[in-house]
Amino acid sequence: MSDPTRSTGGGGPVPDPWESLQTAALLGTDRRPLPAPGPAAPYDGAVDRADPATALLELAALETVRRRAGALPDPADGPPAAPAAEDHRTELPAAAARRLSLLLSTRGTGGGVLANLGELLPQWLATARDRGYRAPAASVPALLDAARARSELRPDAVALAGPLGHWLAERNPDWRFVQRAARAPAPAADTAPAEGDQLWHEGLFAERVTHLTLLRRRDPAAGLALLRGTWPTERAEDRLLFLDALQEGLSPADEPFLEAALGDRSKNVRATAAELLSTLPGSALAARMGERARAAVRLSEHGTHLLVTPPTACDPAMQRDGIPPKSPTGRGERAWWFGEVIAAAPLALWSAHTGLTPERLLGLRVGDAIDETSSTWADDLREAWARAAVRQQDPDWARALLGPPPVPGPGRTARTTGAPAKLLAVLPPAERAVWTAAFVEAHGLGDAFQLLGACATPWTPPLSTAVVGALARAADSGAYPWSHSGVLGMTERALSPTAAGAVEELAAGAAPATAWGETFARLAGTLRFREAMLAELAA
């Protein structure tokens, strides 16, 4: 598009007012005066120049409108482009389309009455995508602009934009990310073999990672074969992320490739290969780690406690299996080697080795093999078992490490060794919600942020009720809302809309001008907004 920002006449070129305004904004109106009125700015008489700063903003707004209104189309170059492919999905209901326009146009809070509506956009997009809708054509440019600014929106935004979004992205370099955004795999291949081969060999790095990931979801063997073909020529940093993509569809068929990667010249690649192999309980690496683990931990003669003998050295075989000889964490070397061995060993070996369940094993006292009265290694052992439970996605061990749901009362504390939020994520969603609700009821919100983040959203009604109750207790205790700002921000996006009535009661019971009164009113308004938003998408 051509832009008539400079006009010519008998007196020669007229200075571009936009450049003059930019210069004044950068240097300050006290150092660079505003551009003088002239033929290029006939609207200038509408601006009061008494306050130069205000006048600068007004002139910039008027000049923006003039530039957009005065843009002329470029001459046609070649035949007209073919239209975008037909999108046969159902278009959004009218109310939902209006809601999308509101969410896309909002920059900030709803005047203090609602949360930042932009934070609700991810939930709206995910729900609309799950319902199989397509975005109205008029909303697609704004949708792509939002996704350009916020990468977390891209998969859902690109899916909603559909063929029109890809068509527009081919014509606007600002939206080139559309061509690289990951999409859900189709039942059949969504890329012809020849096109996929070209993309793998000629595409941008992000495009290649996406292509490999999608191919692994569809056909793990084909994805592995593709990676094998170029592996020796890839850069170390690229090999690392390509290797990480093998998590999709990981199986014993990948073991020979990963075993070979244990000899890679990059230590990060070696470590990633070792971690992937340790998630395959039947792999040779898991068996080697199991042998080391059995040598490091044994049941006492009378079965009353566990005796620990940590490794005394990190030999070359251990190093090849992904254990660095120097601890990167500052822990003692023996504790570091011990933790790495236990975390990589198959969890099933412990019951086979001792005949005890995870709960019984965790209940045993841990002592040093030389000094049985010492409990030096107890925390190291438990923390390593927790890492193994997360890595191997073992719900029985995760459940045992977390312990039963906490209950209120003196003397009761939740077991938190080994990243409880990560352990919680191993459990089924319903069980996560129950455990977290019990934690919140017993301990409040102080240590609940990560646990709540591990729960599926929107939170279940019982979990939502527990959170609302904890907020009410926090308000009664005299705590300030900002001491729970992280959880409050999460509640606006994750609390079940069914809790809106209870929050409205809290808002009515609090003085309106107080911090908690405003907080509860804002939360209640946001829940009603989300309730309407989700109802429109269900229509």
Protein backbone atom coordinates (compact mmCIF):
# COMPACT_ATOMS: atom_id res chain seq x y z
CA MET A 1 0.00 0.00 0.00
CA SER A 2 1.31 3.42 -0.82
CA ASP A 3 1.14 6.07 1.88
CA PRO A 4 0.76 9.76 0.95
CA THR A 5 2.61 11.03 3.97
CA ARG A 6 4.64 13.37 1.81
CA SER A 7 2.99 15.58 -0.75
CA THR A 8 4.61 17.69 -3.38
CA GLY A 9 3.60 20.96 -4.88
CA GLY A 10 5.15 24.01 -6.33
CA GLY A 11 7.30 24.48 -3.26
CA GLY A 12 8.85 20.97 -3.34
CA PRO A 13 8.52 18.16 -0.79
CA VAL A 14 6.50 18.77 2.35
CA PRO A 15 8.07 17.37 5.55
CA ASP A 16 6.47 14.19 6.83
CA PRO A 17 4.48 15.21 9.96
CA TRP A 18 4.73 11.69 11.39
CA GLU A 19 8.53 11.81 11.47
CA SER A 20 8.39 15.23 13.10
CA LEU A 21 6.02 13.93 15.76
CA GLN A 22 8.26 10.93 16.43
CA THR A 23 11.26 13.20 16.86
CA ALA A 24 9.38 15.44 19.28
CA ALA A 25 8.23 12.42 21.28
CA LEU A 26 11.76 11.00 21.52
CA LEU A 27 13.53 14.24 22.40
CA GLY A 28 10.72 15.89 24.37
CA THR A 29 8.57 18.85 23.45
CA ASP A 30 10.81 21.15 25.47
CA ARG A 31 13.75 20.32 23.18
CA ARG A 32 11.99 19.81 19.86
CA PRO A 33 8.91 21.93 19.05
CA LEU A 34 5.82 20.40 17.53
CA PRO A 35 5.60 20.53 13.73
CA ALA A 36 4.11 23.77 12.49
CA PRO A 37 0.65 23.69 10.89
CA GLY A 38 0.86 23.19 7.16
CA PRO A 39 -0.84 21.77 4.07
CA ALA A 40 0.07 18.20 5.10
CA ALA A 41 -1.90 18.57 8.35
CA PRO A 42 -5.15 20.42 7.64
CA TYR A 43 -6.64 19.06 10.86
CA ASP A 44 -4.10 20.97 12.95
CA GLY A 45 -6.53 23.73 13.80
CA ALA A 46 -8.52 21.27 15.93
CA VAL A 47 -5.62 20.90 18.38
CA ASP A 48 -5.02 23.24 21.31
CA ARG A 49 -1.25 23.79 21.52
CA ALA A 50 -1.34 25.38 24.97
CA ASP A 51 -0.09 22.13 26.50
CA PRO A 52 2.58 20.72 24.14
CA ALA A 53 2.52 17.20 25.66
CA THR A 54 -1.24 16.85 25.25
CA ALA A 55 -1.08 18.41 21.81
CA LEU A 56 1.58 15.86 20.79
CA LEU A 57 -0.70 12.95 21.67
CA GLU A 58 -3.68 14.52 19.90
CA LEU A 59 -1.66 15.24 16.78
CA ALA A 60 -0.32 11.66 16.78
CA ALA A 61 -3.86 10.27 17.01
CA LEU A 62 -5.09 12.47 14.18
CA GLU A 63 -2.09 11.69 12.01
CA THR A 64 -2.63 7.95 12.55
CA VAL A 65 -6.20 8.23 11.27
CA ARG A 66 -5.08 10.34 8.29
CA ARG A 67 -2.37 7.85 7.33
CA ARG A 68 -4.77 4.91 7.49
CA ALA A 69 -7.55 6.68 5.65
CA GLY A 70 -5.18 7.97 3.00
CA ALA A 71 -3.41 4.68 2.24
CA LEU A 72 -3.77 3.79 -1.43
CA PRO A 73 -3.69 0.24 -2.82
CA ASP A 74 -0.58 -0.86 -4.64
CA PRO A 75 -0.94 -1.72 -8.32
CA ALA A 76 -1.98 -5.32 -8.91
CA ASP A 77 0.99 -7.56 -9.54
CA GLY A 78 0.02 -10.70 -11.45
CA PRO A 79 -3.31 -12.55 -11.38
CA PRO A 80 -5.56 -12.33 -8.32
CA ALA A 81 -4.67 -14.74 -5.54
CA ALA A 82 -6.82 -17.80 -5.09
CA PRO A 83 -9.18 -17.47 -2.11
CA ALA A 84 -8.60 -19.27 1.15
CA ALA A 85 -9.74 -22.87 1.37
CA GLU A 86 -13.28 -23.43 2.55
CA ASP A 87 -13.72 -23.87 6.30
CA HIS A 88 -16.74 -26.08 6.98
CA ARG A 89 -16.70 -25.79 10.75
CA THR A 90 -19.52 -24.04 12.56
CA GLU A 91 -19.02 -20.32 13.02
CA LEU A 92 -19.16 -18.93 16.52
CA PRO A 93 -22.59 -18.03 17.92
CA ALA A 94 -23.23 -14.29 17.67
CA ALA A 95 -22.93 -13.73 21.45
CA ALA A 96 -19.65 -15.62 21.59
CA ALA A 97 -18.32 -13.65 18.62
CA ARG A 98 -19.09 -10.39 20.43
CA ARG A 99 -17.36 -11.74 23.54
CA LEU A 100 -14.28 -12.57 21.47
CA SER A 101 -14.17 -9.03 20.12
CA LEU A 102 -14.34 -7.70 23.69
CA LEU A 103 -11.54 -9.98 24.88
CA LEU A 104 -9.34 -9.06 21.93
CA SER A 105 -9.90 -5.34 22.30
CA THR A 106 -9.39 -5.13 26.07
CA ARG A 107 -5.99 -3.94 27.28
CA GLY A 108 -6.01 -4.19 31.05
CA THR A 109 -8.67 -4.50 33.71
CA GLY A 110 -12.37 -3.94 33.44
CA GLY A 111 -12.27 -0.69 35.36
CA GLY A 112 -11.46 -2.41 38.65
CA VAL A 113 -14.70 -4.42 38.54
CA LEU A 114 -13.27 -7.36 36.58
CA ALA A 115 -9.95 -9.12 36.27
CA ASN A 116 -7.64 -8.42 33.39
CA LEU A 117 -9.82 -9.80 30.63
CA GLY A 118 -6.78 -10.62 28.54
CA GLU A 119 -5.98 -13.34 31.09
CA LEU A 120 -9.32 -14.99 30.30
CA LEU A 121 -8.57 -15.17 26.59
CA PRO A 122 -6.60 -18.47 26.78
CA GLN A 123 -9.55 -20.19 28.46
CA TRP A 124 -11.99 -18.79 25.91
CA LEU A 125 -9.81 -19.91 22.98
CA ALA A 126 -9.27 -23.42 24.35
CA THR A 127 -12.99 -23.88 24.99
CA ALA A 128 -13.98 -22.57 21.58
CA ARG A 129 -11.45 -24.85 19.92
CA ASP A 130 -12.70 -27.88 21.87
CA ARG A 131 -16.24 -27.07 20.70
CA GLY A 132 -15.09 -27.17 17.08
CA TYR A 133 -15.89 -23.57 16.22
CA ARG A 134 -14.18 -21.31 13.71
CA ALA A 135 -13.58 -17.63 14.28
CA PRO A 136 -15.58 -15.09 12.23
CA ALA A 137 -13.55 -13.82 9.28
CA ALA A 138 -13.65 -10.25 10.59
CA SER A 139 -12.05 -11.32 13.88
CA VAL A 140 -9.16 -13.31 12.40
CA PRO A 141 -6.70 -10.38 11.95
CA ALA A 142 -7.14 -9.27 15.57
CA LEU A 143 -6.89 -12.88 16.72
CA LEU A 144 -3.59 -13.33 14.89
CA ASP A 145 -2.28 -10.03 16.26
CA ALA A 146 -3.05 -11.25 19.80
CA ALA A 147 -1.31 -14.55 19.12
CA ARG A 148 1.69 -12.74 17.69
CA ALA A 149 2.10 -10.86 20.98
CA ARG A 150 1.45 -13.90 23.20
CA SER A 151 3.00 -17.16 22.07
CA GLU A 152 0.94 -19.25 24.51
CA LEU A 153 -2.18 -18.35 22.50
CA ARG A 154 -0.83 -19.54 19.17
CA PRO A 155 -1.92 -23.19 18.96
CA ASP A 156 -5.56 -22.41 19.80
CA ALA A 157 -5.65 -19.13 17.88
CA VAL A 158 -4.24 -20.75 14.72
CA ALA A 159 -6.73 -23.60 15.00
CA LEU A 160 -9.66 -21.18 15.31
CA ALA A 161 -8.40 -19.01 12.46
CA GLY A 162 -8.29 -22.09 10.25
CA PRO A 163 -7.55 -21.91 6.51
CA LEU A 164 -8.22 -18.16 6.44
CA GLY A 165 -5.52 -17.62 9.05
CA HIS A 166 -2.97 -19.52 6.96
CA TRP A 167 -4.06 -17.63 3.82
CA LEU A 168 -3.58 -14.28 5.56
CA ALA A 169 -0.25 -15.34 7.07
CA GLU A 170 1.12 -16.00 3.58
CA ARG A 171 0.53 -12.32 2.83
CA ASN A 172 1.60 -10.71 6.10
CA PRO A 173 5.10 -11.42 7.45
CA ASP A 174 3.97 -10.33 10.93
CA TRP A 175 1.94 -13.55 11.10
CA ARG A 176 4.57 -15.94 9.82
CA PHE A 177 4.32 -17.85 13.11
CA VAL A 178 1.05 -19.31 11.80
CA GLN A 179 3.03 -21.51 9.44
CA ARG A 180 5.05 -22.87 12.37
CA ALA A 181 2.38 -23.19 15.06
CA ALA A 182 1.84 -26.72 16.32
CA ARG A 183 -1.50 -28.21 15.45
CA ALA A 184 -3.26 -31.26 16.77
CA PRO A 185 -2.37 -34.28 14.63
CA ALA A 186 -4.99 -35.43 12.17
CA PRO A 187 -5.96 -39.11 11.96
CA ALA A 188 -4.20 -39.28 8.61
CA ALA A 189 -0.97 -37.57 7.65
CA ASP A 190 -1.51 -33.83 7.32
CA THR A 191 1.64 -33.41 5.28
CA ALA A 192 2.42 -35.27 2.08
CA PRO A 193 5.65 -37.33 2.34
CA ALA A 194 7.48 -35.17 -0.18
CA GLU A 195 6.39 -31.96 1.56
CA GLY A 196 7.37 -33.37 4.96
CA ASP A 197 10.78 -34.36 3.68
CA GLN A 198 11.33 -30.88 2.27
CA LEU A 199 10.19 -29.26 5.51
CA TRP A 200 12.57 -31.44 7.54
CA HIS A 201 15.57 -30.61 5.35
CA GLU A 202 14.82 -26.96 4.52
CA GLY A 203 12.49 -25.63 7.21
CA LEU A 204 13.27 -23.32 10.10
CA PHE A 205 14.36 -25.00 13.30
CA ALA A 206 10.98 -24.43 15.02
CA GLU A 207 9.21 -25.89 11.97
CA ARG A 208 11.44 -28.97 12.06
CA VAL A 209 10.81 -29.56 15.78
CA THR A 210 7.06 -29.20 15.22
CA HIS A 211 7.15 -31.55 12.24
CA LEU A 212 9.11 -34.18 14.17
CA THR A 213 6.78 -33.90 17.18
CA LEU A 214 3.64 -34.31 15.07
CA LEU A 215 5.17 -37.19 13.14
CA ARG A 216 6.13 -38.97 16.38
CA ARG A 217 2.52 -38.70 17.56
CA ARG A 218 1.27 -40.27 14.34
CA ASP A 219 4.05 -42.70 13.51
CA PRO A 220 6.85 -42.98 16.10
CA ALA A 221 8.93 -45.28 13.89
CA ALA A 222 8.81 -42.83 10.97
CA GLY A 223 9.81 -39.97 13.28
CA LEU A 224 12.78 -41.94 14.60
CA ALA A 225 13.86 -42.85 11.06
CA LEU A 226 13.67 -39.19 10.04
CA LEU A 227 15.86 -38.14 12.97
CA ARG A 228 18.35 -40.93 12.34
CA GLY A 229 18.86 -39.74 8.78
CA THR A 230 20.25 -36.33 9.74
CA TRP A 231 21.45 -36.93 13.32
CA PRO A 232 25.22 -36.88 12.60
CA THR A 233 25.00 -33.49 10.87
CA GLU A 234 22.80 -31.69 13.43
CA ARG A 235 24.18 -29.07 15.81
CA ALA A 236 24.45 -30.10 19.47
CA GLU A 237 21.80 -27.61 20.63
CA ASP A 238 19.45 -28.86 17.90
CA ARG A 239 20.12 -32.52 18.71
CA LEU A 240 19.07 -31.81 22.28
CA LEU A 241 15.61 -30.55 21.36
CA PHE A 242 15.13 -33.16 18.65
CA LEU A 243 15.95 -35.82 21.22
CA ASP A 244 13.45 -34.27 23.61
CA ALA A 245 10.76 -34.71 20.93
CA LEU A 246 11.20 -38.48 21.22
CA GLN A 247 9.13 -38.31 24.42
CA GLU A 248 6.18 -38.48 22.04
CA GLY A 249 5.50 -42.16 21.52
CA LEU A 250 8.60 -43.25 23.44
CA SER A 251 8.90 -47.05 23.43
CA PRO A 252 11.50 -49.84 23.60
CA ALA A 253 11.92 -49.44 19.83
CA ASP A 254 13.78 -46.18 20.56
CA GLU A 255 16.26 -47.81 22.94
CA PRO A 256 19.07 -48.61 20.45
CA PHE A 257 19.11 -45.03 19.19
CA LEU A 258 19.10 -43.61 22.73
CA GLU A 259 21.81 -46.05 23.84
CA ALA A 260 23.99 -44.77 21.00
CA ALA A 261 23.24 -41.19 22.08
CA LEU A 262 24.81 -41.97 25.46
CA GLY A 263 28.13 -41.62 23.64
CA ASP A 264 27.27 -38.23 22.14
CA ARG A 265 29.92 -35.51 22.36
CA SER A 266 27.41 -33.15 24.06
CA LYS A 267 26.93 -33.75 27.78
CA ASN A 268 23.40 -32.31 27.63
CA VAL A 269 22.44 -34.74 24.88
CA ARG A 270 23.92 -37.60 26.91
CA ALA A 271 21.96 -36.55 29.99
CA THR A 272 18.69 -36.29 28.05
CA ALA A 273 19.22 -39.69 26.43
CA ALA A 274 19.87 -41.21 29.86
CA GLU A 275 16.74 -39.66 31.33
CA LEU A 276 14.60 -40.95 28.46
CA LEU A 277 16.05 -44.43 28.86
CA SER A 278 15.36 -44.37 32.58
CA THR A 279 11.65 -43.87 31.84
CA LEU A 280 11.70 -47.22 29.99
CA PRO A 281 11.75 -49.72 32.91
CA GLY A 282 12.86 -52.55 30.64
CA SER A 283 15.82 -50.73 29.12
CA ALA A 284 19.40 -51.84 29.60
CA LEU A 285 20.21 -48.53 31.28
CA ALA A 286 17.37 -49.02 33.76
CA ALA A 287 18.73 -52.49 34.51
CA ARG A 288 22.23 -51.11 35.08
CA MET A 289 20.86 -48.42 37.38
CA GLY A 290 18.82 -51.06 39.17
CA GLU A 291 21.96 -53.07 39.92
CA ARG A 292 23.65 -49.97 41.30
CA ALA A 293 20.56 -49.12 43.36
CA ARG A 294 20.41 -52.59 44.90
CA ALA A 295 24.07 -52.23 45.87
CA ALA A 296 23.36 -48.83 47.43
CA VAL A 297 20.22 -49.70 49.44
CA ARG A 298 19.39 -52.98 51.18
CA LEU A 299 16.94 -54.16 53.79
CA SER A 300 18.40 -54.83 57.23
CA GLU A 301 18.65 -58.40 58.47
CA HIS A 302 15.49 -58.14 60.57
CA GLY A 303 13.62 -56.04 58.00
CA THR A 304 13.25 -53.11 60.39
CA HIS A 305 15.12 -50.47 58.39
CA LEU A 306 16.96 -49.70 55.17
CA LEU A 307 20.75 -49.54 55.06
CA VAL A 308 22.41 -47.15 52.61
CA THR A 309 25.87 -47.49 51.05
CA PRO A 310 26.31 -44.59 48.61
CA PRO A 311 28.72 -44.94 45.67
CA THR A 312 32.30 -44.05 46.54
CA ALA A 313 33.24 -43.00 43.00
CA CYS A 314 31.65 -42.10 39.68
CA ASP A 315 33.28 -44.59 37.34
CA PRO A 316 33.29 -44.26 33.51
CA ALA A 317 30.29 -46.60 33.19
CA MET A 318 28.22 -44.36 35.49
CA GLN A 319 29.32 -41.30 33.56
CA ARG A 320 28.26 -42.89 30.28
CA ASP A 321 24.86 -43.56 31.84
CA GLY A 322 24.35 -39.85 32.39
CA ILE A 323 25.72 -39.24 35.90
CA PRO A 324 28.10 -36.24 35.96
CA PRO A 325 31.12 -36.80 38.23
CA LYS A 326 30.78 -33.29 39.69
CA SER A 327 27.59 -32.22 41.41
CA PRO A 328 26.06 -29.16 39.71
CA THR A 329 23.90 -28.50 42.77
CA GLY A 330 26.55 -27.99 45.45
CA ARG A 331 25.60 -31.23 47.23
CA GLY A 332 28.28 -33.63 48.34
CA GLU A 333 29.49 -35.86 45.53
CA ARG A 334 28.43 -39.14 47.16
CA ALA A 335 24.95 -37.77 47.88
CA TRP A 336 24.73 -36.55 44.29
CA TRP A 337 25.76 -39.90 42.78
CA PHE A 338 23.43 -41.73 45.15
CA GLY A 339 20.45 -39.56 44.22
CA GLU A 340 21.07 -39.92 40.48
CA VAL A 341 21.28 -43.72 40.72
CA ILE A 342 18.08 -44.09 42.76
CA ALA A 343 16.14 -41.62 40.58
CA ALA A 344 17.03 -43.58 37.42
CA ALA A 345 16.37 -47.08 38.81
CA PRO A 346 13.01 -48.77 38.06
CA LEU A 347 10.68 -48.30 41.02
CA ALA A 348 9.31 -51.81 40.59
CA LEU A 349 12.62 -53.26 41.73
CA TRP A 350 12.11 -52.12 45.33
CA SER A 351 9.06 -54.27 46.00
CA ALA A 352 10.69 -57.14 44.12
CA HIS A 353 13.91 -56.62 46.10
CA THR A 354 12.31 -56.32 49.55
CA GLY A 355 8.79 -57.72 49.21
CA LEU A 356 7.39 -54.48 50.66
CA THR A 357 4.86 -52.02 49.27
CA PRO A 358 5.87 -48.38 48.64
CA GLU A 359 3.99 -47.34 51.81
CA ARG A 360 5.86 -49.89 53.91
CA LEU A 361 9.22 -48.94 52.41
CA LEU A 362 8.61 -45.25 53.08
CA GLY A 363 7.70 -46.05 56.67
CA LEU A 364 11.03 -47.74 57.41
CA ARG A 365 13.85 -45.98 59.19
CA VAL A 366 16.86 -45.23 56.96
CA GLY A 367 20.35 -45.72 58.33
CA ASP A 368 23.91 -45.72 57.12
CA ALA A 369 25.32 -49.18 56.39
CA ILE A 370 28.30 -48.42 58.65
CA ASP A 371 26.50 -46.42 61.33
CA GLU A 372 22.93 -47.72 61.47
CA THR A 373 21.93 -45.07 63.99
CA SER A 374 22.63 -42.31 61.44
CA SER A 375 19.76 -41.08 59.28
CA THR A 376 22.04 -39.04 57.00
CA TRP A 377 20.63 -40.52 53.79
CA ALA A 378 16.91 -40.55 54.62
CA ASP A 379 16.02 -37.31 52.84
CA ASP A 380 18.27 -38.12 49.87
CA LEU A 381 16.56 -41.46 49.39
CA ARG A 382 13.06 -40.06 49.64
CA GLU A 383 13.83 -37.16 47.30
CA ALA A 384 15.32 -39.54 44.71
CA TRP A 385 12.29 -41.83 44.93
CA ALA A 386 10.09 -38.79 44.33
CA ARG A 387 12.05 -37.89 41.19
CA ALA A 388 11.74 -41.45 39.99
CA ALA A 389 7.96 -41.43 40.57
CA VAL A 390 7.60 -38.27 38.48
CA ARG A 391 9.94 -39.48 35.75
CA GLN A 392 8.27 -42.90 35.51
CA GLN A 393 4.76 -41.50 36.07
CA ASP A 394 4.09 -44.07 38.79
CA PRO A 395 0.84 -43.17 40.63
CA ASP A 396 1.31 -45.77 43.39
CA TRP A 397 4.65 -44.32 44.42
CA ALA A 398 3.41 -40.73 43.99
CA ARG A 399 0.44 -41.51 46.22
CA ALA A 400 2.65 -43.10 48.85
CA LEU A 401 5.13 -40.21 48.82
CA LEU A 402 2.39 -37.61 49.15
CA GLY A 403 0.70 -39.52 51.95
CA PRO A 404 -3.03 -39.42 52.69
CA PRO A 405 -4.92 -36.16 52.17
CA PRO A 406 -4.12 -33.82 55.09
CA VAL A 407 -6.74 -33.25 57.77
CA PRO A 408 -7.14 -30.13 59.93
CA GLY A 409 -5.92 -30.26 63.47
CA PRO A 410 -2.81 -29.76 65.60
CA GLY A 411 0.23 -31.80 64.85
CA ARG A 412 -0.80 -32.66 61.29
CA THR A 413 1.55 -31.56 58.54
CA ALA A 414 1.60 -32.44 54.87
CA ARG A 415 4.56 -34.41 53.60
CA THR A 416 6.26 -32.12 51.10
CA THR A 417 9.58 -33.86 50.38
CA GLY A 418 10.24 -34.25 46.68
CA ALA A 419 8.25 -31.51 44.91
CA PRO A 420 4.68 -32.34 45.99
CA ALA A 421 3.13 -30.44 43.06
CA LYS A 422 5.03 -32.65 40.60
CA LEU A 423 3.97 -35.77 42.48
CA LEU A 424 0.40 -34.54 42.50
CA ALA A 425 0.49 -34.14 38.71
CA VAL A 426 1.12 -37.90 38.38
CA LEU A 427 -2.27 -38.69 39.94
CA PRO A 428 -5.60 -38.70 38.06
CA PRO A 429 -7.21 -35.21 37.88
CA ALA A 430 -10.06 -36.05 40.28
CA GLU A 431 -7.64 -37.35 42.90
CA ARG A 432 -5.45 -34.26 42.54
CA ALA A 433 -8.44 -32.04 43.27
CA VAL A 434 -9.45 -34.05 46.35
CA TRP A 435 -5.92 -34.03 47.80
CA THR A 436 -5.42 -30.32 47.15
CA ALA A 437 -8.81 -29.42 48.63
CA ALA A 438 -7.86 -31.28 51.80
CA PHE A 439 -4.50 -29.50 51.89
CA VAL A 440 -6.15 -26.09 51.53
CA GLU A 441 -8.67 -26.86 54.26
CA ALA A 442 -5.91 -28.05 56.59
CA HIS A 443 -3.16 -25.54 55.83
CA GLY A 444 -4.72 -22.57 54.04
CA LEU A 445 -3.33 -20.96 50.92
CA GLY A 446 0.19 -20.09 52.04
CA ASP A 447 1.87 -23.14 50.46
CA ALA A 448 -0.89 -24.11 48.04
CA PHE A 449 0.01 -22.10 44.93
CA GLN A 450 1.94 -24.83 43.11
CA LEU A 451 -0.50 -27.53 44.20
CA LEU A 452 -3.41 -25.53 42.81
CA GLY A 453 -1.47 -25.01 39.60
CA ALA A 454 -1.19 -28.79 39.20
CA CYS A 455 -4.98 -29.20 39.28
CA ALA A 456 -7.09 -29.30 36.13
CA THR A 457 -9.11 -26.16 35.41
CA PRO A 458 -11.74 -25.13 36.04
CA TRP A 459 -11.34 -26.48 39.55
CA THR A 460 -13.94 -28.91 40.79
CA PRO A 461 -16.74 -27.46 42.96
CA PRO A 462 -15.32 -29.06 46.16
CA LEU A 463 -11.85 -27.63 45.48
CA SER A 464 -13.38 -24.25 44.63
CA THR A 465 -15.37 -24.32 47.88
CA ALA A 466 -12.18 -25.09 49.83
CA VAL A 467 -10.35 -22.16 48.20
CA VAL A 468 -13.22 -19.74 48.85
CA GLY A 469 -13.32 -20.88 52.47
CA ALA A 470 -9.56 -20.32 52.83
CA LEU A 471 -9.91 -16.83 51.33
CA ALA A 472 -12.65 -16.04 53.85
CA ARG A 473 -10.43 -17.21 56.72
CA ALA A 474 -7.54 -15.14 55.39
CA ALA A 475 -9.79 -12.06 55.30
CA ASP A 476 -10.99 -12.70 58.86
CA SER A 477 -7.42 -13.16 60.08
CA GLY A 478 -6.47 -9.63 59.07
CA ALA A 479 -4.08 -10.69 56.31
CA TYR A 480 -3.82 -8.41 53.30
CA PRO A 481 -5.10 -9.60 49.91
CA TRP A 482 -1.76 -8.97 48.24
CA SER A 483 -0.15 -11.58 50.49
CA HIS A 484 -2.18 -14.08 48.43
CA SER A 485 -1.89 -12.26 45.10
CA GLY A 486 -0.63 -15.34 43.23
CA VAL A 487 -3.52 -17.53 44.34
CA LEU A 488 -6.04 -14.72 43.77
CA GLY A 489 -4.83 -14.29 40.20
CA MET A 490 -5.22 -18.01 39.67
CA THR A 491 -8.73 -18.11 41.18
CA GLU A 492 -9.98 -15.58 38.62
CA ARG A 493 -9.08 -18.02 35.84
CA ALA A 494 -9.57 -21.40 37.55
CA LEU A 495 -12.28 -21.13 40.22
CA SER A 496 -15.48 -22.87 39.20
CA PRO A 497 -18.13 -20.30 38.18
CA THR A 498 -20.51 -22.15 40.52
CA ALA A 499 -18.63 -20.44 43.37
CA ALA A 500 -19.79 -16.99 42.23
CA GLY A 501 -22.68 -16.90 44.73
CA ALA A 502 -20.42 -17.71 47.69
CA VAL A 503 -17.93 -15.03 46.63
CA GLU A 504 -20.75 -12.50 46.24
CA GLU A 505 -21.77 -13.24 49.83
CA LEU A 506 -18.21 -12.55 50.97
CA ALA A 507 -18.22 -9.29 49.01
CA ALA A 508 -21.55 -8.26 50.58
CA GLY A 509 -20.25 -9.03 54.06
CA ALA A 510 -17.05 -7.00 53.66
CA ALA A 511 -16.88 -3.23 53.82
CA PRO A 512 -16.95 -2.01 50.18
CA ALA A 513 -14.02 0.38 50.52
CA THR A 514 -11.71 -2.20 52.15
CA ALA A 515 -9.10 -4.15 50.25
CA TRP A 516 -10.90 -7.46 50.79
CA GLY A 517 -14.26 -5.95 49.84
CA GLU A 518 -12.86 -4.77 46.52
CA THR A 519 -11.04 -8.08 46.00
CA PHE A 520 -14.16 -10.19 46.55
CA ALA A 521 -16.29 -7.89 44.39
CA ARG A 522 -13.78 -8.11 41.57
CA LEU A 523 -13.55 -11.90 41.87
CA ALA A 524 -17.33 -12.27 41.89
CA GLY A 525 -17.66 -10.07 38.80
CA THR A 526 -15.00 -12.07 36.99
CA LEU A 527 -16.71 -15.37 37.84
CA ARG A 528 -20.03 -14.06 36.46
CA PHE A 529 -18.20 -12.92 33.34
CA ARG A 530 -16.66 -16.38 32.88
CA GLU A 531 -20.01 -18.03 33.57
CA ALA A 532 -21.62 -16.04 30.74
CA MET A 533 -18.59 -16.57 28.51
CA LEU A 534 -18.71 -20.36 28.85
CA ALA A 535 -22.50 -20.46 28.47
CA GLU A 536 -22.24 -18.62 25.14
CA LEU A 537 -19.77 -21.19 23.86
CA ALA A 538 -22.06 -24.03 24.96
CA ALA A 539 -24.99 -22.62 22.97
